[in-house]
Protein backbone atom coordinates (compact mmCIF):
# COMPACT_ATOMS: atom_id res chain seq x y z
CA MET A 1 135.59 54.04 186.00
CA GLY A 2 133.17 54.18 188.61
CA ASP A 3 128.91 54.75 189.02
CA VAL A 4 127.72 57.25 186.71
CA ASP A 5 124.21 59.34 187.43
CA VAL A 6 122.02 57.81 184.60
CA MET A 7 119.71 60.52 185.15
CA PRO A 8 120.85 63.22 182.66
CA ILE A 9 120.69 60.21 179.95
CA ILE A 10 117.15 60.41 180.63
CA ASP A 11 116.36 64.17 180.80
CA ALA A 12 118.33 63.87 177.62
CA LEU A 13 116.32 61.92 175.65
CA GLU A 14 113.39 63.15 177.21
CA LYS A 15 113.93 66.06 175.66
CA VAL A 16 115.10 65.29 172.29
CA ARG A 17 112.24 62.82 171.88
CA PRO A 18 110.71 64.73 169.41
CA GLN A 19 114.14 64.60 167.03
CA LEU A 20 114.49 60.47 167.51
CA GLU A 21 111.36 60.01 164.99
CA SER A 22 113.83 60.22 162.01
CA CYS A 23 115.98 57.58 163.99
CA ARG A 24 113.46 55.38 163.21
CA PRO A 25 114.06 52.07 160.47
CA ARG A 26 112.97 52.37 157.31
CA GLY A 27 110.59 49.21 155.79
CA THR A 28 108.37 46.78 158.40
CA GLU A 29 111.60 45.75 160.69
CA VAL A 30 111.75 47.11 164.41
CA ALA A 31 115.60 47.79 164.92
CA LYS A 32 116.70 46.62 168.75
CA VAL A 33 120.03 48.24 169.06
CA LYS A 34 122.30 49.07 172.10
CA VAL A 35 124.21 52.41 172.06
CA GLN A 36 126.95 53.50 174.75
CA PHE A 37 127.65 56.58 176.27
CA HIS A 38 131.27 57.36 177.93
CA VAL A 39 130.74 60.16 180.74
CA GLY A 40 133.61 62.39 182.18
CA LEU A 41 134.73 65.95 182.81
CA LYS A 42 131.31 66.77 183.56
CA SER A 43 130.12 65.78 179.90
CA LEU A 44 129.55 62.63 177.33
CA ARG A 45 133.00 62.12 175.40
CA LEU A 46 131.59 59.44 173.65
CA ALA A 47 128.25 58.74 172.35
CA ALA A 48 127.97 55.72 169.79
CA PRO A 49 125.91 52.11 169.30
CA ALA A 50 127.70 50.18 171.78
CA ALA A 51 130.61 47.42 170.68
CA ASP A 52 128.52 44.69 172.03
CA ASN A 53 125.13 45.97 169.61
CA THR A 54 123.88 43.70 166.90
CA GLY A 55 121.10 45.91 165.34
CA ASP A 56 121.19 48.93 163.13
CA ALA A 57 123.95 50.91 163.35
CA SER A 58 122.79 53.58 162.02
CA VAL A 59 119.47 53.37 164.28
CA ALA A 60 121.85 53.62 167.32
CA ARG A 61 124.60 56.38 165.78
CA CYS A 62 120.94 58.52 165.04
CA ILE A 63 120.11 58.25 168.74
CA ALA A 64 123.75 58.82 170.12
CA ASN A 65 124.11 62.15 168.32
CA ARG A 66 120.74 63.16 169.43
CA VAL A 67 121.33 62.55 172.93
CA LYS A 68 124.92 64.19 172.86
CA SER A 69 123.27 66.80 170.67
CA SER A 70 121.41 68.34 174.18
CA LYS A 71 124.41 67.90 175.81
CA PRO A 72 123.91 66.19 178.82
CA ALA A 73 125.90 67.15 181.98
CA TRP A 74 127.34 66.05 185.10
CA PRO A 75 129.26 66.91 188.38
CA GLU A 76 132.73 66.72 188.50
CA GLY A 77 134.26 64.06 189.52
CA GLU A 78 131.38 61.49 187.35
CA SER A 79 132.90 59.16 185.10
CA GLY A 80 131.35 55.43 183.81
CA ILE A 81 129.80 53.93 180.66
CA ILE A 82 126.23 53.92 180.17
CA ILE A 83 124.57 51.21 177.95
CA VAL A 84 120.94 51.99 176.74
CA GLU A 85 119.05 49.26 175.10
CA ALA A 86 116.31 50.86 172.68
CA THR A 87 113.58 49.08 170.48
CA VAL A 88 112.98 51.23 167.83
CA PRO A 89 109.68 50.70 165.72
CA PRO A 90 110.05 51.39 161.80
CA ARG A 91 108.46 54.88 160.43
CA LYS A 92 104.69 55.12 159.55
């Protein structure tokens, strides 16, 4: 594992922004979540709530799945773990 470029994740988040609306929690509470992305073999090998996520796991899982579905790609030989922290307001 080494340094890994975060731009493919940032680009993927922008690409799936409309689909992320469905990840907003129900009710009135804001969800603060951590999502982990494991990069290897030029793609995401794992996208899931981070091990130390203390927020709503279903919100973190939803974000992870949306990002993974956009199929971000990295150059050959890049590998590592990217942790994204997100503050997600409730549905309107």
